[in-house]
C-alpha atoms as a PDB file:
ATOM      1  CA  UNK A   1      -9.834  15.966  -1.148  1.00  0.00           C
ATOM      2  CA  UNK A   2      -8.575  12.853  -2.640  1.00  0.00           C
ATOM      3  CA  UNK A   3     -10.006   9.585  -3.453  1.00  0.00           C
ATOM      4  CA  UNK A   4      -8.052   6.522  -4.145  1.00  0.00           C
ATOM      5  CA  UNK A   5      -9.243   3.014  -6.001  1.00  0.00           C
ATOM      6  CA  UNK A   6      -7.097   0.086  -5.525  1.00  0.00           C
ATOM      7  CA  UNK A   7      -6.990  -2.634  -8.218  1.00  0.00           C
ATOM      8  CA  UNK A   8      -4.859  -5.958  -8.782  1.00  0.00           C
ATOM      9  CA  UNK A   9      -5.957  -8.047  -5.708  1.00  0.00           C
ATOM     10  CA  UNK A  10      -6.970 -11.889  -6.499  1.00  0.00           C
ATOM     11  CA  UNK A  11      -6.016 -15.112  -5.691  1.00  0.00           C
ATOM     12  CA  UNK A  12      -2.482 -16.527  -6.061  1.00  0.00           C
ATOM     13  CA  UNK A  13      -0.512 -19.712  -4.721  1.00  0.00           C
ATOM     14  CA  UNK A  14       2.055 -19.136  -2.248  1.00  0.00           C
ATOM     15  CA  UNK A  15       5.148 -18.270  -4.400  1.00  0.00           C
ATOM     16  CA  UNK A  16       3.540 -16.226  -6.345  1.00  0.00           C
ATOM     17  CA  UNK A  17       3.344 -12.420  -7.243  1.00  0.00           C
ATOM     18  CA  UNK A  18       0.795  -9.803  -7.454  1.00  0.00           C
ATOM     19  CA  UNK A  19       1.038  -6.358  -8.204  1.00  0.00           C
ATOM     20  CA  UNK A  20      -1.257  -3.791  -6.725  1.00  0.00           C
ATOM     21  CA  UNK A  21      -1.963  -0.572  -8.110  1.00  0.00           C
ATOM     22  CA  UNK A  22      -3.816   2.692  -6.478  1.00  0.00           C
ATOM     23  CA  UNK A  23      -5.152   5.468  -8.721  1.00  0.00           C
ATOM     24  CA  UNK A  24      -5.666   8.571  -7.069  1.00  0.00           C
ATOM     25  CA  UNK A  25      -7.973  11.459  -7.843  1.00  0.00           C
ATOM     26  CA  UNK A  26      -7.640  15.068  -7.144  1.00  0.00           C
ATOM     27  CA  UNK A  27      -5.188  17.703  -7.426  1.00  0.00           C
ATOM     28  CA  UNK A  28      -1.238  17.450  -6.305  1.00  0.00           C
ATOM     29  CA  UNK A  29      -0.652  13.848  -5.980  1.00  0.00           C
ATOM     30  CA  UNK A  30       2.796  14.662  -5.961  1.00  0.00           C
ATOM     31  CA  UNK A  31       2.729  16.464  -2.576  1.00  0.00           C
ATOM     32  CA  UNK A  32       1.381  13.365  -0.611  1.00  0.00           C
ATOM     33  CA  UNK A  33       3.233  10.659   1.201  1.00  0.00           C
ATOM     34  CA  UNK A  34       1.447   6.932   0.251  1.00  0.00           C
ATOM     35  CA  UNK A  35       1.263   3.856   1.850  1.00  0.00           C
ATOM     36  CA  UNK A  36      -0.148   0.502   1.979  1.00  0.00           C
ATOM     37  CA  UNK A  37      -1.734  -1.210   4.704  1.00  0.00           C
ATOM     38  CA  UNK A  38      -3.278  -4.590   5.256  1.00  0.00           C
ATOM     39  CA  UNK A  39      -6.308  -6.027   7.818  1.00  0.00           C
ATOM     40  CA  UNK A  40      -6.508 -10.047   8.188  1.00  0.00           C
ATOM     41  CA  UNK A  41      -9.839 -11.422   9.250  1.00  0.00           C
ATOM     42  CA  UNK A  42     -10.368 -10.880  13.114  1.00  0.00           C
ATOM     43  CA  UNK A  43      -6.857  -8.668  13.169  1.00  0.00           C
ATOM     44  CA  UNK A  44      -5.898  -5.179  13.344  1.00  0.00           C
ATOM     45  CA  UNK A  45      -4.639  -3.205  10.274  1.00  0.00           C
ATOM     46  CA  UNK A  46      -1.110  -3.011   9.980  1.00  0.00           C
ATOM     47  CA  UNK A  47       1.511  -1.402   8.250  1.00  0.00           C
ATOM     48  CA  UNK A  48       2.939  -2.764   4.710  1.00  0.00           C
ATOM     49  CA  UNK A  49       4.823  -0.392   2.921  1.00  0.00           C
ATOM     50  CA  UNK A  50       5.197   3.448   2.484  1.00  0.00           C
ATOM     51  CA  UNK A  51       6.688   5.975   0.005  1.00  0.00           C
ATOM     52  CA  UNK A  52       7.534   9.583   0.445  1.00  0.00           C
ATOM     53  CA  UNK A  53       6.148  12.365  -1.643  1.00  0.00           C
ATOM     54  CA  UNK A  54       9.430  12.358  -4.132  1.00  0.00           C
ATOM     55  CA  UNK A  55       9.721   8.830  -4.100  1.00  0.00           C
ATOM     56  CA  UNK A  56      13.209   8.772  -2.941  1.00  0.00           C
ATOM     57  CA  UNK A  57      12.239   7.108   0.553  1.00  0.00           C
ATOM     58  CA  UNK A  58      10.510   3.743   1.161  1.00  0.00           C
ATOM     59  CA  UNK A  59       9.602   1.996   4.093  1.00  0.00           C
ATOM     60  CA  UNK A  60       8.709  -1.304   4.843  1.00  0.00           C
ATOM     61  CA  UNK A  61       7.289  -4.058   7.787  1.00  0.00           C
ATOM     62  CA  UNK A  62       9.780  -6.314   8.425  1.00  0.00           C
ATOM     63  CA  UNK A  63       7.624  -9.306   7.529  1.00  0.00           C
ATOM     64  CA  UNK A  64       7.463  -8.055   3.738  1.00  0.00           C
ATOM     65  CA  UNK A  65      11.085  -6.329   3.533  1.00  0.00           C
ATOM     66  CA  UNK A  66      12.673  -8.096   0.721  1.00  0.00           C
ATOM     67  CA  UNK A  67       9.510  -9.365  -0.846  1.00  0.00           C
ATOM     68  CA  UNK A  68       7.224  -6.473  -1.413  1.00  0.00           C
ATOM     69  CA  UNK A  69       8.536  -3.110  -3.109  1.00  0.00           C
ATOM     70  CA  UNK A  70       6.600   0.263  -3.372  1.00  0.00           C
ATOM     71  CA  UNK A  71       6.631   2.596  -5.891  1.00  0.00           C
ATOM     72  CA  UNK A  72       5.015   5.699  -7.562  1.00  0.00           C
ATOM     73  CA  UNK A  73       4.558   7.287 -10.323  1.00  0.00           C
ATOM     74  CA  UNK A  74       3.258  10.999  -9.711  1.00  0.00           C
ATOM     75  CA  UNK A  75       2.520  11.606 -13.724  1.00  0.00           C
ATOM     76  CA  UNK A  76       0.263   8.682 -13.507  1.00  0.00           C
ATOM     77  CA  UNK A  77      -1.290   9.760  -9.916  1.00  0.00           C
ATOM     78  CA  UNK A  78      -0.717   6.040  -9.452  1.00  0.00           C
ATOM     79  CA  UNK A  79       1.267   4.492  -6.363  1.00  0.00           C
ATOM     80  CA  UNK A  80       2.012   0.490  -6.944  1.00  0.00           C
ATOM     81  CA  UNK A  81       2.901  -2.347  -4.462  1.00  0.00           C
ATOM     82  CA  UNK A  82       4.943  -5.294  -6.385  1.00  0.00           C
ATOM     83  CA  UNK A  83       4.441  -8.352  -4.088  1.00  0.00           C
ATOM     84  CA  UNK A  84       6.890 -11.425  -4.568  1.00  0.00           C
ATOM     85  CA  UNK A  85       7.104 -14.507  -2.756  1.00  0.00           C
ATOM     86  CA  UNK A  86       3.857 -14.491  -1.386  1.00  0.00           C
ATOM     87  CA  UNK A  87       2.950 -16.418   1.507  1.00  0.00           C
ATOM     88  CA  UNK A  88      -0.582 -17.427   3.236  1.00  0.00           C
ATOM     89  CA  UNK A  89      -0.029 -15.091   6.178  1.00  0.00           C
ATOM     90  CA  UNK A  90       0.006 -12.167   3.608  1.00  0.00           C
ATOM     91  CA  UNK A  91      -3.674 -13.061   2.864  1.00  0.00           C
ATOM     92  CA  UNK A  92      -5.692  -9.884   3.832  1.00  0.00           C
ATOM     93  CA  UNK A  93      -7.759  -6.796   2.350  1.00  0.00           C
ATOM     94  CA  UNK A  94      -5.014  -4.437   1.288  1.00  0.00           C
ATOM     95  CA  UNK A  95      -5.804  -0.770   1.458  1.00  0.00           C
ATOM     96  CA  UNK A  96      -3.808   2.358   0.118  1.00  0.00           C
ATOM     97  CA  UNK A  97      -3.473   5.536   1.782  1.00  0.00           C
ATOM     98  CA  UNK A  98      -2.614   9.092   1.367  1.00  0.00           C
ATOM     99  CA  UNK A  99      -0.972  11.635   4.037  1.00  0.00           C
ATOM    100  CA  UNK A 100       0.613  14.723   4.138  1.00  0.00           C
ATOM    101  CA  UNK A 101       4.132  15.242   2.613  1.00  0.00           C
ATOM    102  CA  UNK A 102       5.366  16.397   5.979  1.00  0.00           C
ATOM    103  CA  UNK A 103       4.020  15.125   9.390  1.00  0.00           C
ATOM    104  CA  UNK A 104       4.823  14.278  12.921  1.00  0.00           C
ATOM    105  CA  UNK A 105       3.540  11.042  12.515  1.00  0.00           C
ATOM    106  CA  UNK A 106       5.615   7.981  11.176  1.00  0.00           C
ATOM    107  CA  UNK A 107       5.213   6.608   7.650  1.00  0.00           C
ATOM    108  CA  UNK A 108       4.121   3.473   9.773  1.00  0.00           C
ATOM    109  CA  UNK A 109       1.316   5.081  11.739  1.00  0.00           C
ATOM    110  CA  UNK A 110      -2.514   4.781  10.715  1.00  0.00           C
ATOM    111  CA  UNK A 111      -3.029   8.404  11.735  1.00  0.00           C
ATOM    112  CA  UNK A 112      -0.583   9.829   9.408  1.00  0.00           C
ATOM    113  CA  UNK A 113      -3.076   9.150   6.422  1.00  0.00           C
ATOM    114  CA  UNK A 114      -5.998  11.341   5.691  1.00  0.00           C
ATOM    115  CA  UNK A 115      -7.473   9.611   2.841  1.00  0.00           C
ATOM    116  CA  UNK A 116      -8.155   5.541   2.499  1.00  0.00           C
ATOM    117  CA  UNK A 117      -9.233   3.509  -0.265  1.00  0.00           C
ATOM    118  CA  UNK A 118     -11.774   0.611  -0.405  1.00  0.00           C
ATOM    119  CA  UNK A 119      -9.380  -2.005  -0.160  1.00  0.00           C
ATOM    120  CA  UNK A 120      -8.587  -4.580  -2.391  1.00  0.00           C
ATOM    121  CA  UNK A 121      -8.660  -8.550  -1.201  1.00  0.00           C
ATOM    122  CA  UNK A 122      -5.425 -10.701  -1.440  1.00  0.00           C
ATOM    123  CA  UNK A 123      -5.755 -14.365  -0.795  1.00  0.00           C
ATOM    124  CA  UNK A 124      -3.170 -16.642  -0.914  1.00  0.00           C
ATOM    125  CA  UNK A 125      -3.211 -20.344  -1.190  1.00  0.00           C
ATOM    126  CA  UNK A 126      -0.913 -22.849   0.379  1.00  0.00           C
END
């Protein structure tokens, strides 16, 4: 069982930056692929970014490519999402997710991930 706790959300002006953290508890964090998703009011949850268990491979949604960066520190059981050049349309609740090392499901798919955090609110003002 993996428990995930997100932090780092808040209110920021357009063009600003935030760094989200997701701390994982439970054994063998390093064997999990990790992802970030977000859900804006009235919209479905969407993929933002993901990182492989080793940290060598990363994946991004087109809407955040070049602005957001995902990384992980397996020694600290933590995954990060550095968000730069934030836009009002980035406003959402951001969720951290953990999934198996290998899966038939793509990194961008919700159903790859077995464990989800409670989410952290990010609000970008114009």
